[in-house]
C-alpha atoms as a PDB file:
ATOM      1  CA  MET A   1      75.238 -22.307  28.598  1.00  0.00           C
ATOM      2  CA  GLN A   2      72.510 -19.718  31.010  1.00  0.00           C
ATOM      3  CA  ARG A   3      73.764 -19.059  34.188  1.00  0.00           C
ATOM      4  CA  ASP A   4      71.734 -17.241  36.905  1.00  0.00           C
ATOM      5  CA  GLN A   5      72.810 -13.905  36.696  1.00  0.00           C
ATOM      6  CA  SER A   6      72.971 -13.449  40.429  1.00  0.00           C
ATOM      7  CA  GLU A   7      75.262 -15.676  40.818  1.00  0.00           C
ATOM      8  CA  GLU A   8      79.172 -14.595  40.163  1.00  0.00           C
ATOM      9  CA  PRO A   9      79.664 -17.210  37.066  1.00  0.00           C
ATOM     10  CA  GLU A  10      82.003 -19.696  37.049  1.00  0.00           C
ATOM     11  CA  PRO A  11      85.029 -19.092  35.007  1.00  0.00           C
ATOM     12  CA  LEU A  12      85.588 -20.359  31.745  1.00  0.00           C
ATOM     13  CA  ALA A  13      89.186 -21.231  29.820  1.00  0.00           C
ATOM     14  CA  ALA A  14      89.546 -20.901  25.845  1.00  0.00           C
ATOM     15  CA  ASN A  15      88.374 -24.602  25.633  1.00  0.00           C
ATOM     16  CA  GLY A  16      85.293 -24.112  27.010  1.00  0.00           C
ATOM     17  CA  ALA A  17      86.499 -26.187  30.667  1.00  0.00           C
ATOM     18  CA  PRO A  18      86.007 -24.546  33.932  1.00  0.00           C
ATOM     19  CA  THR A  19      88.692 -23.282  35.634  1.00  0.00           C
ATOM     20  CA  SER A  20      89.673 -21.180  38.867  1.00  0.00           C
ATOM     21  CA  SER A  21      91.416 -18.062  38.619  1.00  0.00           C
ATOM     22  CA  ASN A  22      94.569 -19.430  39.752  1.00  0.00           C
ATOM     23  CA  SER A  23      94.533 -21.596  36.518  1.00  0.00           C
ATOM     24  CA  ALA A  24      97.580 -21.062  33.796  1.00  0.00           C
ATOM     25  CA  VAL A  25      95.499 -19.961  31.048  1.00  0.00           C
ATOM     26  CA  PRO A  26      96.549 -16.450  30.698  1.00  0.00           C
ATOM     27  CA  CYS A  27      92.272 -15.555  29.507  1.00  0.00           C
ATOM     28  CA  VAL A  28      89.591 -16.630  31.747  1.00  0.00           C
ATOM     29  CA  CYS A  29      86.624 -15.711  30.142  1.00  0.00           C
ATOM     30  CA  TYR A  30      82.352 -16.015  31.205  1.00  0.00           C
ATOM     31  CA  VAL A  31      79.321 -15.062  30.458  1.00  0.00           C
ATOM     32  CA  ARG A  32      77.321 -12.589  32.745  1.00  0.00           C
ATOM     33  CA  SER A  33      74.315 -10.201  31.618  1.00  0.00           C
ATOM     34  CA  GLY A  34      74.087 -11.811  27.985  1.00  0.00           C
ATOM     35  CA  ARG A  35      77.983 -10.435  27.431  1.00  0.00           C
ATOM     36  CA  TRP A  36      81.482 -12.380  27.129  1.00  0.00           C
ATOM     37  CA  THR A  37      83.519 -11.320  29.645  1.00  0.00           C
ATOM     38  CA  VAL A  38      87.194 -11.800  30.227  1.00  0.00           C
ATOM     39  CA  LYS A  39      88.643 -11.923  34.016  1.00  0.00           C
ATOM     40  CA  GLN A  40      91.875 -12.418  33.954  1.00  0.00           C
ATOM     41  CA  PRO A  41      93.581  -9.184  33.357  1.00  0.00           C
ATOM     42  CA  PHE A  42      96.388  -9.064  30.498  1.00  0.00           C
ATOM     43  CA  ARG A  43      99.851  -8.023  31.390  1.00  0.00           C
ATOM     44  CA  SER A  44     101.610  -8.402  27.489  1.00  0.00           C
ATOM     45  CA  ARG A  45     100.468  -7.855  24.046  1.00  0.00           C
ATOM     46  CA  LEU A  46     100.988 -12.074  23.740  1.00  0.00           C
ATOM     47  CA  GLY A  47      98.498 -12.809  26.296  1.00  0.00           C
ATOM     48  CA  ILE A  48      95.719  -9.836  24.601  1.00  0.00           C
ATOM     49  CA  ALA A  49      96.329 -11.928  21.289  1.00  0.00           C
ATOM     50  CA  THR A  50      95.865 -15.221  23.112  1.00  0.00           C
ATOM     51  CA  ALA A  51      92.539 -13.949  24.866  1.00  0.00           C
ATOM     52  CA  ILE A  52      91.365 -13.168  21.186  1.00  0.00           C
ATOM     53  CA  ALA A  53      91.673 -16.524  19.602  1.00  0.00           C
ATOM     54  CA  ALA A  54      89.819 -18.057  22.958  1.00  0.00           C
ATOM     55  CA  VAL A  55      86.952 -15.224  22.602  1.00  0.00           C
ATOM     56  CA  ALA A  56      86.864 -16.271  19.056  1.00  0.00           C
ATOM     57  CA  VAL A  57      86.420 -19.918  19.954  1.00  0.00           C
ATOM     58  CA  LEU A  58      83.823 -18.899  22.439  1.00  0.00           C
ATOM     59  CA  VAL A  59      81.658 -16.732  20.133  1.00  0.00           C
ATOM     60  CA  THR A  60      80.611 -19.436  18.461  1.00  0.00           C
ATOM     61  CA  GLY A  61      79.402 -21.113  21.161  1.00  0.00           C
ATOM     62  CA  GLY A  62      78.140 -17.950  22.629  1.00  0.00           C
ATOM     63  CA  LEU A  63      76.156 -17.633  19.420  1.00  0.00           C
ATOM     64  CA  ALA A  64      74.512 -21.184  20.197  1.00  0.00           C
ATOM     65  CA  VAL A  65      73.427 -20.432  23.626  1.00  0.00           C
ATOM     66  CA  ALA A  66      72.346 -16.931  22.762  1.00  0.00           C
ATOM     67  CA  THR A  67      70.126 -18.910  20.067  1.00  0.00           C
ATOM     68  CA  ASN A  68      68.622 -21.846  22.134  1.00  0.00           C
ATOM     69  CA  ASN A  69      67.938 -19.698  24.876  1.00  0.00           C
ATOM     70  CA  ARG A  70      66.636 -16.373  23.404  1.00  0.00           C
ATOM     71  CA  SER A  71      69.295 -14.299  25.858  1.00  0.00           C
ATOM     72  CA  THR A  72      69.719 -10.587  25.032  1.00  0.00           C
ATOM     73  CA  LEU A  73      72.878 -11.655  23.186  1.00  0.00           C
ATOM     74  CA  SER A  74      72.654 -10.063  19.747  1.00  0.00           C
ATOM     75  CA  ALA A  75      74.590 -11.674  16.302  1.00  0.00           C
ATOM     76  CA  ILE A  76      78.081 -11.951  16.663  1.00  0.00           C
ATOM     77  CA  PRO A  77      80.222 -11.760  15.131  1.00  0.00           C
ATOM     78  CA  GLY A  78      78.347  -9.028  12.586  1.00  0.00           C
ATOM     79  CA  VAL A  79      76.969  -9.269   9.192  1.00  0.00           C
ATOM     80  CA  ASP A  80      80.623  -8.044   8.085  1.00  0.00           C
ATOM     81  CA  GLY A  81      82.103 -11.407  10.166  1.00  0.00           C
ATOM     82  CA  VAL A  82      83.885  -8.705  12.578  1.00  0.00           C
ATOM     83  CA  VAL A  83      83.519  -9.211  16.193  1.00  0.00           C
ATOM     84  CA  HIS A  84      83.942  -6.108  18.454  1.00  0.00           C
ATOM     85  CA  GLY A  85      84.964  -5.755  22.174  1.00  0.00           C
ATOM     86  CA  CYS A  86      86.248  -3.445  24.838  1.00  0.00           C
ATOM     87  CA  VAL A  87      89.252  -3.938  26.575  1.00  0.00           C
ATOM     88  CA  LYS A  88      89.496  -2.187  30.029  1.00  0.00           C
ATOM     89  CA  LYS A  89      92.365   0.352  30.208  1.00  0.00           C
ATOM     90  CA  GLY A  90      94.787  -0.364  32.949  1.00  0.00           C
ATOM     91  CA  GLY A  91      93.100  -3.835  34.135  1.00  0.00           C
ATOM     92  CA  GLY A  92      93.161  -5.643  30.862  1.00  0.00           C
ATOM     93  CA  VAL A  93      89.430  -6.829  31.082  1.00  0.00           C
ATOM     94  CA  LEU A  94      87.805  -7.906  27.695  1.00  0.00           C
ATOM     95  CA  ARG A  95      83.914  -7.604  26.765  1.00  0.00           C
ATOM     96  CA  ILE A  96      82.192  -8.231  23.571  1.00  0.00           C
ATOM     97  CA  ILE A  97      79.708  -5.854  22.553  1.00  0.00           C
ATOM     98  CA  ASP A  98      76.974  -4.904  19.547  1.00  0.00           C
ATOM     99  CA  PRO A  99      77.618  -1.662  17.910  1.00  0.00           C
ATOM    100  CA  SER A 100      74.063  -2.598  15.966  1.00  0.00           C
ATOM    101  CA  LYS A 101      72.491  -2.341  18.926  1.00  0.00           C
ATOM    102  CA  GLY A 102      74.040   0.686  20.534  1.00  0.00           C
ATOM    103  CA  ALA A 103      76.380  -0.615  22.476  1.00  0.00           C
ATOM    104  CA  HIS A 104      80.207   1.395  22.635  1.00  0.00           C
ATOM    105  CA  CYS A 105      83.244   1.089  24.872  1.00  0.00           C
ATOM    106  CA  ARG A 106      83.442   3.417  27.646  1.00  0.00           C
ATOM    107  CA  THR A 107      85.912   6.168  28.003  1.00  0.00           C
ATOM    108  CA  ASN A 108      88.284   3.972  30.458  1.00  0.00           C
ATOM    109  CA  GLU A 109      88.090   0.903  27.818  1.00  0.00           C
ATOM    110  CA  GLN A 110      90.167   0.709  24.149  1.00  0.00           C
ATOM    111  CA  ALA A 111      87.722  -0.698  20.972  1.00  0.00           C
ATOM    112  CA  LEU A 112      89.257  -4.015  19.441  1.00  0.00           C
ATOM    113  CA  THR A 113      88.016  -5.689  16.293  1.00  0.00           C
ATOM    114  CA  PHE A 114      88.906  -8.794  15.372  1.00  0.00           C
ATOM    115  CA  ASN A 115      87.038 -11.580  13.627  1.00  0.00           C
ATOM    116  CA  GLU A 116      86.195 -15.283  13.937  1.00  0.00           C
ATOM    117  CA  HIS A 117      88.099 -16.744  10.665  1.00  0.00           C
ATOM    118  CA  GLY A 118      91.304 -18.910  11.890  1.00  0.00           C
ATOM    119  CA  PRO A 119      94.461 -18.895   9.951  1.00  0.00           C
ATOM    120  CA  GLN A 120      94.394 -20.241   6.045  1.00  0.00           C
ATOM    121  CA  GLY A 121      95.076 -24.146   6.164  1.00  0.00           C
ATOM    122  CA  VAL A 122      97.569 -25.939   4.049  1.00  0.00           C
ATOM    123  CA  GLN A 123      96.703 -26.613   0.571  1.00  0.00           C
ATOM    124  CA  GLY A 124      95.240 -29.657   0.065  1.00  0.00           C
ATOM    125  CA  ALA A 125      96.074 -32.469  -2.216  1.00  0.00           C
ATOM    126  CA  GLN A 126      94.964 -32.227  -6.016  1.00  0.00           C
ATOM    127  CA  GLY A 127      91.981 -34.045  -6.808  1.00  0.00           C
ATOM    128  CA  SER A 128      92.202 -36.565  -9.502  1.00  0.00           C
ATOM    129  CA  ALA A 129      91.158 -35.583 -13.194  1.00  0.00           C
ATOM    130  CA  GLY A 130      87.528 -35.754 -13.669  1.00  0.00           C
ATOM    131  CA  SER A 131      86.181 -37.467 -16.916  1.00  0.00           C
ATOM    132  CA  VAL A 132      85.868 -36.146 -20.227  1.00  0.00           C
ATOM    133  CA  GLY A 133      82.915 -34.461 -20.838  1.00  0.00           C
ATOM    134  CA  THR A 134      80.341 -35.113 -23.993  1.00  0.00           C
ATOM    135  CA  ALA A 135      81.091 -33.844 -26.941  1.00  0.00           C
ATOM    136  CA  GLY A 136      79.024 -30.629 -27.415  1.00  0.00           C
ATOM    137  CA  SER A 137      76.199 -30.663 -30.478  1.00  0.00           C
ATOM    138  CA  GLY A 138      76.397 -29.295 -33.862  1.00  0.00           C
ATOM    139  CA  GLN A 139      78.613 -27.231 -35.185  1.00  0.00           C
ATOM    140  CA  GLY A 140      80.241 -23.693 -33.522  1.00  0.00           C
ATOM    141  CA  ILE A 141      80.098 -20.507 -35.370  1.00  0.00           C
ATOM    142  CA  GLU A 142      82.827 -19.924 -38.017  1.00  0.00           C
ATOM    143  CA  GLY A 143      85.461 -17.431 -37.024  1.00  0.00           C
ATOM    144  CA  GLU A 144      87.009 -14.457 -38.768  1.00  0.00           C
ATOM    145  CA  PRO A 145      89.670 -15.422 -40.754  1.00  0.00           C
ATOM    146  CA  GLY A 146      93.391 -15.054 -40.105  1.00  0.00           C
ATOM    147  CA  ALA A 147      95.352 -12.514 -41.089  1.00  0.00           C
ATOM    148  CA  SER A 148      98.045 -13.855 -43.514  1.00  0.00           C
ATOM    149  CA  GLY A 149     101.112 -15.445 -42.761  1.00  0.00           C
ATOM    150  CA  ALA A 150     104.280 -13.657 -44.226  1.00  0.00           C
ATOM    151  CA  THR A 151     105.527 -15.103 -47.573  1.00  0.00           C
ATOM    152  CA  GLY A 152     107.593 -18.445 -47.280  1.00  0.00           C
ATOM    153  CA  GLN A 153     111.221 -18.666 -48.924  1.00  0.00           C
ATOM    154  CA  PRO A 154     111.419 -20.035 -52.490  1.00  0.00           C
ATOM    155  CA  GLY A 155     112.248 -23.810 -52.318  1.00  0.00           C
ATOM    156  CA  PRO A 156     114.650 -25.377 -54.175  1.00  0.00           C
ATOM    157  CA  ALA A 157     114.467 -25.905 -57.888  1.00  0.00           C
ATOM    158  CA  GLY A 158     113.261 -29.050 -59.073  1.00  0.00           C
ATOM    159  CA  VAL A 159     115.191 -31.450 -61.288  1.00  0.00           C
ATOM    160  CA  ALA A 160     115.328 -30.201 -65.137  1.00  0.00           C
ATOM    161  CA  GLY A 161     112.110 -32.698 -66.792  1.00  0.00           C
ATOM    162  CA  ALA A 162     112.903 -34.378 -70.019  1.00  0.00           C
ATOM    163  CA  THR A 163     113.538 -32.732 -73.211  1.00  0.00           C
ATOM    164  CA  GLY A 164     109.795 -32.565 -75.178  1.00  0.00           C
ATOM    165  CA  ALA A 165     109.749 -33.645 -78.588  1.00  0.00           C
ATOM    166  CA  ALA A 166     110.450 -31.396 -81.247  1.00  0.00           C
ATOM    167  CA  GLY A 167     106.537 -29.545 -82.640  1.00  0.00           C
ATOM    168  CA  PRO A 168     105.548 -29.309 -85.901  1.00  0.00           C
ATOM    169  CA  ALA A 169     107.231 -27.021 -87.892  1.00  0.00           C
ATOM    170  CA  GLY A 170     105.807 -23.595 -88.424  1.00  0.00           C
ATOM    171  CA  ALA A 171     104.017 -22.281 -91.637  1.00  0.00           C
ATOM    172  CA  THR A 172     106.536 -20.328 -93.778  1.00  0.00           C
ATOM    173  CA  GLY A 173     106.298 -17.069 -93.042  1.00  0.00           C
ATOM    174  CA  THR A 174     106.192 -13.524 -95.789  1.00  0.00           C
ATOM    175  CA  THR A 175     108.958 -12.357 -96.850  1.00  0.00           C
ATOM    176  CA  GLY A 176     110.293  -8.916 -95.096  1.00  0.00           C
ATOM    177  CA  ALA A 177     110.541  -5.988 -96.499  1.00  0.00           C
ATOM    178  CA  THR A 178     113.973  -5.377 -98.703  1.00  0.00           C
ATOM    179  CA  GLY A 179     116.901  -3.944 -96.402  1.00  0.00           C
ATOM    180  CA  PRO A 180     118.685  -0.469 -97.147  1.00  0.00           C
ATOM    181  CA  PRO A 181     121.501  -0.649 -99.391  1.00  0.00           C
ATOM    182  CA  GLY A 182     124.817  -1.732 -97.654  1.00  0.00           C
ATOM    183  CA  PRO A 183     127.933   0.525 -97.295  1.00  0.00           C
ATOM    184  CA  VAL A 184     129.784   0.583-100.914  1.00  0.00           C
ATOM    185  CA  LEU A 185     133.335  -0.596-100.622  1.00  0.00           C
ATOM    186  CA  GLY A 186     135.610   1.427-102.969  1.00  0.00           C
ATOM    187  CA  GLY A 187     137.008  -1.271-105.081  1.00  0.00           C
ATOM    188  CA  TYR A 188     134.694  -3.426-107.938  1.00  0.00           C
ATOM    189  CA  VAL A 189     135.438  -4.604-111.816  1.00  0.00           C
ATOM    190  CA  SER A 190     133.633  -7.037-113.787  1.00  0.00           C
ATOM    191  CA  ALA A 191     135.469  -7.687-117.195  1.00  0.00           C
ATOM    192  CA  TYR A 192     134.672  -9.981-119.881  1.00  0.00           C
ATOM    193  CA  THR A 193     135.183 -11.334-123.604  1.00  0.00           C
ATOM    194  CA  VAL A 194     132.153 -12.704-125.184  1.00  0.00           C
ATOM    195  CA  ASN A 195     131.410 -14.252-128.418  1.00  0.00           C
ATOM    196  CA  PRO A 196     134.091 -12.922-130.749  1.00  0.00           C
ATOM    197  CA  PRO A 197     134.551 -14.068-134.255  1.00  0.00           C
ATOM    198  CA  GLY A 198     136.162 -17.134-133.868  1.00  0.00           C
ATOM    199  CA  PRO A 199     138.990 -18.441-131.113  1.00  0.00           C
ATOM    200  CA  PHE A 200     141.433 -16.430-129.382  1.00  0.00           C
ATOM    201  CA  PHE A 201     144.571 -17.811-128.754  1.00  0.00           C
ATOM    202  CA  VAL A 202     146.451 -16.739-125.159  1.00  0.00           C
ATOM    203  CA  PRO A 203     149.969 -18.149-125.194  1.00  0.00           C
ATOM    204  CA  SER A 204     151.881 -20.140-122.590  1.00  0.00           C
ATOM    205  CA  GLY A 205     152.613 -17.470-119.877  1.00  0.00           C
ATOM    206  CA  GLY A 206     150.645 -14.620-121.364  1.00  0.00           C
ATOM    207  CA  SER A 207     147.968 -12.434-119.819  1.00  0.00           C
ATOM    208  CA  VAL A 208     144.452 -13.571-120.853  1.00  0.00           C
ATOM    209  CA  PRO A 209     142.764 -10.481-122.413  1.00  0.00           C
ATOM    210  CA  PHE A 210     138.742  -9.221-121.133  1.00  0.00           C
ATOM    211  CA  SER A 211     137.717  -6.826-124.074  1.00  0.00           C
ATOM    212  CA  SER A 212     134.746  -5.188-122.002  1.00  0.00           C
ATOM    213  CA  THR A 213     134.342  -4.089-118.457  1.00  0.00           C
ATOM    214  CA  GLY A 214     131.291  -3.782-116.950  1.00  0.00           C
ATOM    215  CA  PRO A 215     130.671  -1.641-113.737  1.00  0.00           C
ATOM    216  CA  ILE A 216     133.527  -0.134-112.220  1.00  0.00           C
ATOM    217  CA  ASN A 217     135.064   1.074-108.801  1.00  0.00           C
ATOM    218  CA  GLY A 218     137.845   2.010-107.279  1.00  0.00           C
ATOM    219  CA  ILE A 219     139.689  -0.733-109.883  1.00  0.00           C
ATOM    220  CA  ILE A 220     141.933   0.630-112.699  1.00  0.00           C
ATOM    221  CA  ALA A 221     140.919  -1.802-115.334  1.00  0.00           C
ATOM    222  CA  SER A 222     142.378  -2.331-119.400  1.00  0.00           C
ATOM    223  CA  THR A 223     142.621  -5.091-121.480  1.00  0.00           C
ATOM    224  CA  PHE A 224     144.797  -7.341-119.832  1.00  0.00           C
ATOM    225  CA  GLN A 225     145.158  -6.217-115.885  1.00  0.00           C
ATOM    226  CA  PHE A 226     143.388  -4.226-113.164  1.00  0.00           C
ATOM    227  CA  GLN A 227     145.462  -1.878-110.510  1.00  0.00           C
ATOM    228  CA  ILE A 228     143.582  -1.780-107.178  1.00  0.00           C
ATOM    229  CA  GLN A 229     143.417   1.549-105.791  1.00  0.00           C
ATOM    230  CA  THR A 230     142.168   0.790-101.856  1.00  0.00           C
ATOM    231  CA  GLY A 231     143.807  -2.132-100.217  1.00  0.00           C
ATOM    232  CA  GLY A 232     142.135  -4.900 -98.493  1.00  0.00           C
ATOM    233  CA  THR A 233     140.203  -7.975 -98.595  1.00  0.00           C
ATOM    234  CA  TYR A 234     138.907  -9.151-102.367  1.00  0.00           C
ATOM    235  CA  ARG A 235     136.729 -11.618-103.862  1.00  0.00           C
ATOM    236  CA  VAL A 236     137.850 -13.135-107.098  1.00  0.00           C
ATOM    237  CA  THR A 237     135.978 -15.378-108.995  1.00  0.00           C
ATOM    238  CA  TYR A 238     137.067 -15.866-112.795  1.00  0.00           C
ATOM    239  CA  SER A 239     136.110 -18.640-115.490  1.00  0.00           C
ATOM    240  CA  MET A 240     137.418 -19.465-119.213  1.00  0.00           C
ATOM    241  CA  ALA A 241     135.539 -21.459-122.093  1.00  0.00           C
ATOM    242  CA  THR A 242     138.201 -23.259-124.352  1.00  0.00           C
ATOM    243  CA  PHE A 243     137.507 -23.865-127.738  1.00  0.00           C
ATOM    244  CA  SER A 244     137.504 -27.681-127.336  1.00  0.00           C
ATOM    245  CA  ALA A 245     137.975 -29.746-125.020  1.00  0.00           C
ATOM    246  CA  CYS A 246     141.745 -29.726-123.523  1.00  0.00           C
ATOM    247  CA  PRO A 247     143.515 -32.651-122.684  1.00  0.00           C
ATOM    248  CA  ALA A 248     144.069 -33.419-118.936  1.00  0.00           C
ATOM    249  CA  GLY A 249     146.409 -31.375-117.261  1.00  0.00           C
ATOM    250  CA  PHE A 250     146.966 -28.954-120.766  1.00  0.00           C
ATOM    251  CA  CYS A 251     144.804 -26.224-120.225  1.00  0.00           C
ATOM    252  CA  ALA A 252     145.673 -24.554-116.892  1.00  0.00           C
ATOM    253  CA  PHE A 253     145.084 -20.733-115.651  1.00  0.00           C
ATOM    254  CA  ARG A 254     146.260 -18.705-112.664  1.00  0.00           C
ATOM    255  CA  VAL A 255     145.851 -15.007-110.825  1.00  0.00           C
ATOM    256  CA  SER A 256     149.155 -13.059-110.402  1.00  0.00           C
ATOM    257  CA  VAL A 257     149.833 -10.523-108.881  1.00  0.00           C
ATOM    258  CA  ASN A 258     152.623  -7.882-109.300  1.00  0.00           C
ATOM    259  CA  GLY A 259     153.420 -10.676-112.240  1.00  0.00           C
ATOM    260  CA  ILE A 260     153.954 -13.437-109.331  1.00  0.00           C
ATOM    261  CA  SER A 261     151.879 -16.132-109.008  1.00  0.00           C
ATOM    262  CA  LEU A 262     149.119 -16.154-106.322  1.00  0.00           C
ATOM    263  CA  ALA A 263     149.292 -19.293-104.416  1.00  0.00           C
ATOM    264  CA  GLY A 264     145.911 -21.046-104.653  1.00  0.00           C
ATOM    265  CA  SER A 265     144.394 -19.467-107.493  1.00  0.00           C
ATOM    266  CA  ASP A 266     144.911 -22.435-110.286  1.00  0.00           C
ATOM    267  CA  ALA A 267     142.101 -23.150-112.328  1.00  0.00           C
ATOM    268  CA  ILE A 268     142.884 -26.654-114.123  1.00  0.00           C
ATOM    269  CA  ALA A 269     141.240 -28.390-117.080  1.00  0.00           C
ATOM    270  CA  SER A 270     140.323 -31.811-117.365  1.00  0.00           C
ATOM    271  CA  SER A 271     138.928 -33.418-120.418  1.00  0.00           C
ATOM    272  CA  SER A 272     136.256 -29.901-120.908  1.00  0.00           C
ATOM    273  CA  THR A 273     135.478 -27.032-122.231  1.00  0.00           C
ATOM    274  CA  GLY A 274     135.138 -25.084-118.871  1.00  0.00           C
ATOM    275  CA  LEU A 275     137.435 -23.860-116.260  1.00  0.00           C
ATOM    276  CA  ASP A 276     136.631 -21.804-113.080  1.00  0.00           C
ATOM    277  CA  ARG A 277     138.083 -20.114-109.928  1.00  0.00           C
ATOM    278  CA  ASP A 278     136.640 -18.980-106.871  1.00  0.00           C
ATOM    279  CA  LEU A 279     138.978 -17.481-103.850  1.00  0.00           C
ATOM    280  CA  LEU A 280     139.821 -14.545-101.539  1.00  0.00           C
ATOM    281  CA  ALA A 281     143.155 -12.664-101.641  1.00  0.00           C
ATOM    282  CA  THR A 282     144.045  -9.443 -99.662  1.00  0.00           C
ATOM    283  CA  PHE A 283     145.634  -6.726-102.176  1.00  0.00           C
ATOM    284  CA  ALA A 284     147.793  -3.927-101.367  1.00  0.00           C
ATOM    285  CA  ALA A 285     146.670  -0.366-102.827  1.00  0.00           C
ATOM    286  CA  ASN A 286     148.554  -0.041-106.533  1.00  0.00           C
ATOM    287  CA  ASP A 287     148.718  -3.923-106.712  1.00  0.00           C
ATOM    288  CA  VAL A 288     148.128  -5.130-110.380  1.00  0.00           C
ATOM    289  CA  VAL A 289     146.170  -8.524-110.874  1.00  0.00           C
ATOM    290  CA  THR A 290     146.740 -10.868-114.342  1.00  0.00           C
ATOM    291  CA  VAL A 291     144.846 -14.444-115.211  1.00  0.00           C
ATOM    292  CA  THR A 292     148.094 -16.073-116.596  1.00  0.00           C
ATOM    293  CA  ASN A 293     148.057 -18.925-118.729  1.00  0.00           C
ATOM    294  CA  VAL A 294     150.136 -21.527-116.855  1.00  0.00           C
ATOM    295  CA  GLY A 295     149.574 -24.626-119.651  1.00  0.00           C
ATOM    296  CA  PRO A 296     152.481 -25.950-121.499  1.00  0.00           C
ATOM    297  CA  ALA A 297     150.886 -24.676-124.766  1.00  0.00           C
ATOM    298  CA  SER A 298     148.962 -22.013-126.314  1.00  0.00           C
ATOM    299  CA  ALA A 299     145.227 -22.211-125.230  1.00  0.00           C
ATOM    300  CA  ALA A 300     141.877 -21.485-127.602  1.00  0.00           C
ATOM    301  CA  LEU A 301     139.464 -19.406-125.713  1.00  0.00           C
ATOM    302  CA  SER A 302     136.074 -18.496-126.923  1.00  0.00           C
ATOM    303  CA  GLU A 303     134.816 -16.546-123.925  1.00  0.00           C
ATOM    304  CA  ASP A 304     135.941 -15.850-120.185  1.00  0.00           C
ATOM    305  CA  SER A 305     135.087 -13.802-117.860  1.00  0.00           C
ATOM    306  CA  ILE A 306     136.421 -12.039-113.801  1.00  0.00           C
ATOM    307  CA  VAL A 307     134.772 -10.096-111.000  1.00  0.00           C
ATOM    308  CA  ILE A 308     136.938  -8.811-108.397  1.00  0.00           C
ATOM    309  CA  GLN A 309     135.499  -7.037-105.650  1.00  0.00           C
ATOM    310  CA  ARG A 310     136.383  -5.594-102.219  1.00  0.00           C
ATOM    311  CA  ILE A 311     134.612  -7.233 -99.454  1.00  0.00           C
ATOM    312  CA  ALA A 312     136.749  -6.031 -95.957  1.00  0.00           C
END
């Protein structure tokens, strides 16, 4: 768009078409002496904004003209993308300048800068997904071990397994050392009659004699009776050996306490020469214990023995 500088240039509208000064377009721009010039005065901020938009469109066209015709126009906008202009104060005339060439606004003009970028357009539709790339070759470098995770909660108890087979018996262990003696309980006697010159007879209802005594403690012993000194539970073990076999039910003996028969203490012979009995009994202090012949006739004995021992 090159014109003779001696002529009054034909005005151009914002869209590049010729127009007259009576045009309804608020900004009329043309090229004069290598400059973009706004001829139509601005009377409002809206008019200035519209003119800026029009000049921004024409700047692109002006660049093309300046390049094709090697005119004195410099690079507009500048390298920073900014278009520099000057608006005449009071009259509203806008002219484009190139500060890089030393151009500047006059004292009766106001500097104005803008760029040629329009508003951002509406975002376009999302493109379709690209195809999956080919897998890389080789294994990557092993990463650093991660931190240990927290200990998980204990799981539920498992079902009990079946009982295993019994293992073989272990070898017999060595005999342990003998323990210390236990506490001695007062109340013990051992008495007996052994190897007399002949049989000795115990009448029916009479007490059995024990002519000899062994260890004794806490019990007063005589030939026919034993007096308890300390009450408690006692173990009584006695035995009789008859001179000859006794008919069934003929020989019988029983423990008596203070002359009264002790239930469950009978020793009864049945066609044998030996009778024995082992029992537990509770005695009080000063009780008198005897062994009595409760058979129907006298008993001929060859020996006898008795042990009375307190256990509790």
